[in-house]
Amino acid sequence: MKSDVSVIIPNFNGEKYIANCLESILDQSFYEFGQMEIIVVDDCSSDDSVNIIKRYQEVKLEINPVNSGFDKSVNQGIKASSGTYCLLLNNDVVVDRDFVKYLYRHIDENPNVFSVSSKMVRYYERNKLDDTGDFYNIFGWAYKRGDGKPVEAYKKRTSVFSTCAGAGIYRRSVLDEIGLFDETFFAYLEDVDISYRGLIYGYQNHYEPQAVCYHIGSATTADGQKYSPFKVKISARNNIYVAYKNMPTFQLLINSPFLLLGFFIKYLLFWKRGYGKDYSAGIKEGLKNCRQMKKVPVQSKNLGHYILIEILLIHNLFRHVFNKLVR
């Protein structure tokens, strides 16, 4: 039976979190008026999380034979699903009872919207926001909107550059048009990449403040820490991938001075935190391998979209600086 919403949860060593995540998604008010399926894709976990997932008969379990990363797991779940919309959820997220309902209504009412980001609140600091949609700027920086701000903030629906794939919904018909998540990324910034692709094709990404969830953050890839050598290196590499893949050559040349400056500033910041070698290693790997990536094809019908995106990239830099100053 075709579902209205397919909830896809990638899992890797999530035995501490997955039960709470599944319990919250199984208790959704959405079941009262819509069809929903739940698919968990386990990425070769070595803990007891698979046995925990098997206790839930309503949940379809897919198992990867080898660890392949977030992106491949998400794509596997999308391919195995039947929903008109695909709702991606991290295993360390717990959602409010009306979470799916509000995301579904928002995207279903707006046919030009590709994705909708939720209101993510810090799990252990529920008076503070974690993410209300992501932004990307001309310096090549991706950053979370609202991170650390009071939970009462960001009450209005709005457009965002990118939907956080840790708790966001995507339109399947657009995925069919622009392609799935790029598995070259493995993890981190793949959601910025796919949202960027959606913008190139003329679609929008939105934020829904009534869809509330609680996120631990980097629970299985960085042991709950904001930074780790793995996360810093992969994120630095993927920053190169995002710019190279989505910007046409001419735009990339125009923006290269800003990108170089942005990467240099980031290097200094990570060097100060003790991750300078990891960041530089990621940048080197990104520069070495980016030419092997398939760039988004430039189509004449999308030229206006590139201009609007360039304006957004500049605007988002000033937005980022302003938010830092008023924090």
Protein backbone atom coordinates (compact mmCIF):
# COMPACT_ATOMS: atom_id res chain seq x y z
CA MET A 1 0.00 0.00 0.00
CA LYS A 2 1.31 3.45 -0.92
CA SER A 3 1.98 5.69 2.07
CA ASP A 4 1.51 9.42 2.47
CA VAL A 5 4.72 9.68 4.47
CA SER A 6 7.71 7.35 4.69
CA VAL A 7 9.79 7.91 7.82
CA ILE A 8 13.38 6.85 7.15
CA ILE A 9 15.77 6.49 10.09
CA PRO A 10 19.45 5.67 9.45
CA ASN A 11 20.97 3.87 12.44
CA PHE A 12 24.54 3.16 13.49
CA ASN A 13 25.22 1.94 17.04
CA GLY A 14 22.16 3.74 18.34
CA GLU A 15 21.12 1.35 21.11
CA LYS A 16 20.94 4.23 23.62
CA TYR A 17 18.58 6.29 21.47
CA ILE A 18 16.66 4.25 18.89
CA ALA A 19 13.88 2.99 21.17
CA ASN A 20 12.91 6.51 22.30
CA CYS A 21 13.01 7.67 18.69
CA LEU A 22 10.74 4.86 17.49
CA GLU A 23 8.33 5.20 20.41
CA SER A 24 7.82 8.87 19.61
CA ILE A 25 7.25 8.30 15.90
CA LEU A 26 4.82 5.44 16.56
CA ASP A 27 2.74 7.75 18.77
CA GLN A 28 2.06 10.34 16.05
CA SER A 29 -1.33 12.00 15.65
CA PHE A 30 -0.75 11.73 11.88
CA TYR A 31 -1.98 8.12 12.04
CA GLU A 32 -5.47 9.49 12.64
CA PHE A 33 -5.79 10.78 9.06
CA GLY A 34 -2.82 9.56 7.00
CA GLN A 35 -0.83 6.48 6.03
CA MET A 36 2.72 6.30 7.36
CA GLU A 37 5.46 3.69 7.12
CA ILE A 38 8.67 3.52 9.17
CA ILE A 39 11.91 2.21 7.73
CA VAL A 40 15.12 1.88 9.74
CA VAL A 41 18.33 1.30 7.79
CA ASP A 42 21.05 -0.12 10.01
CA ASP A 43 24.56 0.69 8.85
CA CYS A 44 26.39 -2.35 10.20
CA SER A 45 25.92 -1.62 13.92
CA SER A 46 28.09 -3.53 16.39
CA ASP A 47 25.88 -2.86 19.42
CA ASP A 48 22.44 -4.23 20.34
CA SER A 49 20.40 -1.68 18.36
CA VAL A 50 19.31 -4.17 15.66
CA ASN A 51 17.76 -6.45 18.27
CA ILE A 52 15.99 -3.46 19.79
CA ILE A 53 14.57 -2.43 16.40
CA LYS A 54 13.34 -5.98 15.71
CA ARG A 55 11.01 -5.71 18.72
CA TYR A 56 8.87 -3.23 16.79
CA GLN A 57 6.75 -5.22 14.34
CA GLU A 58 5.46 -2.03 12.69
CA VAL A 59 9.00 -1.08 11.63
CA LYS A 60 10.64 -2.31 8.44
CA LEU A 61 14.35 -3.03 8.98
CA GLU A 62 16.99 -2.82 6.25
CA ILE A 63 20.53 -3.95 7.12
CA ASN A 64 23.71 -2.88 5.36
CA PRO A 65 26.39 -5.61 5.22
CA VAL A 66 29.18 -3.01 5.56
CA ASN A 67 29.29 0.49 7.01
CA SER A 68 28.48 2.80 4.10
CA GLY A 69 27.63 6.13 5.73
CA PHE A 70 24.57 8.27 6.33
CA ASP A 71 23.93 9.11 2.68
CA LYS A 72 23.88 5.56 1.36
CA SER A 73 21.65 4.47 4.24
CA VAL A 74 19.19 7.30 3.56
CA ASN A 75 19.12 6.49 -0.16
CA GLN A 76 18.54 2.83 0.59
CA GLY A 77 15.58 3.78 2.78
CA ILE A 78 14.14 6.10 0.13
CA LYS A 79 14.40 3.38 -2.52
CA ALA A 80 12.65 0.90 -0.23
CA SER A 81 9.85 3.34 0.63
CA SER A 82 6.52 4.14 -1.01
CA GLY A 83 5.54 7.51 0.48
CA THR A 84 4.62 10.64 -1.43
CA TYR A 85 6.95 12.38 1.02
CA CYS A 86 10.12 11.08 2.68
CA LEU A 87 10.69 12.21 6.25
CA LEU A 88 14.29 11.74 7.38
CA LEU A 89 14.98 11.36 11.08
CA ASN A 90 18.20 10.84 13.03
CA ASN A 91 18.16 8.01 15.55
CA ASP A 92 18.98 10.45 18.38
CA VAL A 93 15.83 12.52 17.85
CA VAL A 94 12.58 12.38 19.82
CA VAL A 95 9.56 14.09 18.25
CA ASP A 96 6.41 15.76 19.55
CA ARG A 97 3.13 13.97 18.89
CA ASP A 98 2.07 16.37 16.11
CA PHE A 99 5.51 16.52 14.48
CA VAL A 100 4.66 14.57 11.31
CA LYS A 101 1.26 16.24 10.95
CA TYR A 102 2.71 19.74 10.77
CA LEU A 103 5.52 18.81 8.37
CA TYR A 104 3.07 16.96 6.12
CA ARG A 105 0.53 19.79 6.02
CA HIS A 106 3.20 22.37 5.24
CA ILE A 107 4.76 20.54 2.31
CA ASP A 108 1.45 19.20 0.99
CA GLU A 109 -0.04 22.71 0.82
CA ASN A 110 2.92 24.15 -1.10
CA PRO A 111 3.59 22.34 -4.40
CA ASN A 112 6.76 24.34 -5.16
CA VAL A 113 8.38 23.40 -1.84
CA PHE A 114 10.99 20.65 -2.06
CA SER A 115 11.68 20.24 1.66
CA VAL A 116 10.58 21.46 5.09
CA SER A 117 12.85 21.73 8.11
CA SER A 118 11.53 21.27 11.63
CA LYS A 119 12.10 23.15 14.87
CA MET A 120 14.91 21.17 16.47
CA VAL A 121 15.47 21.76 20.18
CA ARG A 122 18.48 20.64 22.19
CA TYR A 123 17.58 17.40 23.92
CA TYR A 124 19.41 18.18 27.17
CA GLU A 125 18.81 21.95 27.11
CA ARG A 126 15.17 22.28 26.15
CA ASN A 127 15.17 26.03 26.63
CA LYS A 128 17.55 26.35 23.65
CA LEU A 129 17.20 25.74 19.93
CA ASP A 130 19.41 23.36 17.99
CA ASP A 131 18.39 24.05 14.38
CA THR A 132 15.59 25.80 12.50
CA GLY A 133 16.90 25.26 8.99
CA ASP A 134 20.40 25.74 7.62
CA PHE A 135 22.10 28.49 5.65
CA TYR A 136 25.09 28.57 3.30
CA ASN A 137 27.05 31.68 2.34
CA ILE A 138 29.59 32.98 -0.16
CA PHE A 139 32.48 32.07 2.19
CA GLY A 140 31.52 28.40 1.78
CA TRP A 141 30.23 28.22 5.34
CA ALA A 142 27.16 26.18 6.22
CA TYR A 143 25.61 27.03 9.57
CA LYS A 144 22.57 26.22 11.67
CA ARG A 145 19.89 28.89 11.97
CA GLY A 146 18.95 29.62 15.58
CA ASP A 147 21.54 27.40 17.24
CA GLY A 148 21.67 28.26 20.94
CA LYS A 149 18.90 30.85 20.74
CA PRO A 150 15.90 30.74 23.16
CA VAL A 151 13.36 28.06 22.29
CA GLU A 152 10.64 30.72 22.04
CA ALA A 153 12.35 32.29 19.01
CA TYR A 154 11.72 31.62 15.31
CA LYS A 155 7.94 31.27 15.54
CA LYS A 156 7.13 32.04 11.89
CA ARG A 157 7.22 29.92 8.76
CA THR A 158 9.96 31.09 6.44
CA SER A 159 12.21 30.08 3.57
CA VAL A 160 15.63 28.62 4.42
CA PHE A 161 18.58 27.71 2.25
CA SER A 162 18.64 24.10 3.39
CA THR A 163 16.58 21.62 5.38
CA CYS A 164 18.42 19.70 8.08
CA ALA A 165 18.20 16.01 7.13
CA GLY A 166 18.25 15.09 10.80
CA ALA A 167 14.54 15.93 11.03
CA GLY A 168 13.06 17.13 7.75
CA ILE A 169 10.61 16.10 5.06
CA TYR A 170 11.27 15.91 1.29
CA ARG A 171 9.04 15.69 -1.77
CA ARG A 172 9.62 12.41 -3.62
CA SER A 173 8.72 13.79 -7.05
CA VAL A 174 11.54 16.34 -6.74
CA LEU A 175 13.97 13.65 -5.59
CA ASP A 176 13.04 11.75 -8.73
CA GLU A 177 13.85 14.87 -10.77
CA ILE A 178 17.09 16.07 -9.17
CA GLY A 179 18.48 12.82 -7.77
CA LEU A 180 18.97 11.36 -4.31
CA PHE A 181 21.60 12.23 -1.70
CA ASP A 182 25.17 12.23 -3.02
CA GLU A 183 26.86 9.21 -1.45
CA THR A 184 30.31 10.73 -2.06
CA PHE A 185 29.66 12.92 1.00
CA PHE A 186 29.31 9.86 3.31
CA ALA A 187 28.03 12.15 6.11
CA TYR A 188 27.69 15.89 6.84
CA LEU A 189 26.55 18.64 4.43
CA GLU A 190 24.77 16.18 2.16
CA ASP A 191 21.55 17.95 3.16
CA VAL A 192 23.00 21.34 2.16
CA ASP A 193 24.02 19.81 -1.17
CA ILE A 194 20.61 18.36 -1.99
CA SER A 195 18.78 21.50 -0.86
CA TYR A 196 21.16 23.59 -3.00
CA ARG A 197 20.29 21.33 -5.93
CA GLY A 198 16.61 21.91 -5.28
CA LEU A 199 17.15 25.69 -5.39
CA ILE A 200 18.99 25.37 -8.70
CA TYR A 201 15.95 23.62 -10.16
CA GLY A 202 13.66 26.38 -8.91
CA TYR A 203 12.18 24.78 -5.80
CA GLN A 204 12.05 26.17 -2.26
CA ASN A 205 13.08 24.92 1.17
CA HIS A 206 10.99 26.00 4.14
CA TYR A 207 10.89 25.95 7.94
CA GLU A 208 7.87 24.83 9.99
CA PRO A 209 7.95 26.11 13.62
CA GLN A 210 5.13 23.87 14.86
CA ALA A 211 6.97 20.65 14.00
CA VAL A 212 9.03 20.30 17.18
CA CYS A 213 11.61 17.64 18.01
CA TYR A 214 14.48 17.17 20.47
CA HIS A 215 17.95 16.37 19.18
CA ILE A 216 21.00 15.06 21.04
CA GLY A 217 23.37 15.76 18.13
CA SER A 218 26.35 13.81 16.69
CA ALA A 219 25.47 10.99 19.06
CA THR A 220 27.00 8.18 17.00
CA THR A 221 29.60 9.95 14.84
CA ALA A 222 31.22 12.28 17.37
CA ASP A 223 30.14 10.78 20.72
CA GLY A 224 27.80 13.70 21.27
CA GLN A 225 30.60 16.26 20.98
CA LYS A 226 30.36 19.33 18.77
CA TYR A 227 33.74 18.57 17.17
CA SER A 228 35.82 15.47 16.52
CA PRO A 229 38.76 14.80 14.16
CA PHE A 230 36.48 12.74 11.89
CA LYS A 231 33.69 15.32 11.80
CA VAL A 232 36.06 18.26 11.19
CA LYS A 233 37.90 16.49 8.37
CA ILE A 234 34.81 15.17 6.58
CA SER A 235 32.95 18.47 6.91
CA ALA A 236 35.93 20.40 5.50
CA ARG A 237 36.17 18.03 2.55
CA ASN A 238 32.43 18.22 1.93
CA ASN A 239 32.51 22.03 1.97
CA ILE A 240 34.74 21.79 -1.11
CA TYR A 241 32.32 19.31 -2.67
CA VAL A 242 29.26 21.54 -2.12
CA ALA A 243 30.82 24.54 -3.85
CA TYR A 244 32.47 22.64 -6.70
CA LYS A 245 29.45 20.52 -7.51
CA ASN A 246 26.71 23.15 -7.40
CA MET A 247 28.41 26.27 -8.75
CA PRO A 248 28.93 26.52 -12.53
CA THR A 249 32.58 27.13 -13.47
CA PHE A 250 32.03 30.84 -14.09
CA GLN A 251 30.31 31.33 -10.73
CA LEU A 252 32.99 29.27 -9.01
CA LEU A 253 35.71 31.54 -10.45
CA ILE A 254 33.88 34.69 -9.32
CA ASN A 255 33.37 33.31 -5.83
CA SER A 256 36.81 31.70 -5.44
CA PRO A 257 38.41 34.66 -3.57
CA PHE A 258 35.57 34.59 -1.04
CA LEU A 259 35.71 30.80 -0.73
CA LEU A 260 39.49 30.84 -0.18
CA LEU A 261 39.14 33.53 2.47
CA GLY A 262 36.34 31.60 4.15
CA PHE A 263 38.32 28.37 4.23
CA PHE A 264 41.39 30.20 5.60
CA ILE A 265 39.35 31.78 8.41
CA LYS A 266 37.87 28.39 9.26
CA TYR A 267 41.36 26.87 9.34
CA LEU A 268 42.50 29.48 11.86
CA LEU A 269 39.45 28.83 14.02
CA PHE A 270 39.96 25.06 14.01
CA TRP A 271 43.71 25.44 14.53
CA LYS A 272 42.90 27.40 17.67
CA ARG A 273 40.66 24.53 18.84
CA GLY A 274 43.30 21.91 18.11
CA TYR A 275 41.81 20.58 14.88
CA GLY A 276 43.92 22.48 12.36
CA LYS A 277 45.55 19.35 10.89
CA ASP A 278 42.18 17.62 10.53
CA TYR A 279 40.64 20.62 8.77
CA SER A 280 43.55 21.08 6.37
CA ALA A 281 43.54 17.33 5.61
CA GLY A 282 39.86 17.57 4.70
CA ILE A 283 40.42 20.57 2.45
CA LYS A 284 43.29 18.79 0.67
CA GLU A 285 41.18 15.67 0.16
CA GLY A 286 38.30 17.75 -1.18
CA LEU A 287 40.51 19.59 -3.67
CA LYS A 288 42.12 16.33 -4.76
CA ASN A 289 38.85 14.45 -5.33
CA CYS A 290 36.31 17.11 -6.31
CA ARG A 291 36.98 16.82 -10.04
CA GLN A 292 35.78 13.23 -9.90
CA MET A 293 32.34 14.45 -8.82
CA LYS A 294 29.52 14.96 -11.27
CA LYS A 295 28.61 18.65 -11.33
CA VAL A 296 24.98 19.72 -11.47
CA PRO A 297 24.30 20.24 -15.19
CA VAL A 298 23.78 23.88 -16.18
CA GLN A 299 20.46 24.35 -17.99
CA SER A 300 19.32 27.60 -19.56
CA LYS A 301 15.98 27.43 -17.74
CA ASN A 302 17.85 27.60 -14.42
CA LEU A 303 20.06 30.63 -15.15
CA GLY A 304 17.76 32.95 -13.21
CA HIS A 305 17.91 30.59 -10.26
CA TYR A 306 21.73 30.84 -10.17
CA ILE A 307 21.45 34.63 -9.93
CA LEU A 308 18.98 34.39 -7.06
CA ILE A 309 21.24 31.86 -5.30
CA GLU A 310 24.25 34.18 -5.67
CA ILE A 311 22.25 36.95 -4.02
CA LEU A 312 21.33 34.53 -1.24
CA LEU A 313 24.97 33.55 -0.72
CA ILE A 314 25.94 37.19 -0.21
CA HIS A 315 22.91 37.95 1.95
CA ASN A 316 23.55 34.91 4.13
CA LEU A 317 27.07 36.11 4.92
CA PHE A 318 25.72 39.39 6.33
CA ARG A 319 22.97 37.44 8.13
CA HIS A 320 25.59 35.21 9.74
CA VAL A 321 27.76 38.14 10.86
CA PHE A 322 24.73 40.00 12.25
CA ASN A 323 23.57 36.96 14.24
CA LYS A 324 27.06 36.60 15.73
CA LEU A 325 27.10 40.24 16.77
CA VAL A 326 23.70 40.18 18.47
CA ARG A 327 24.19 36.82 20.20
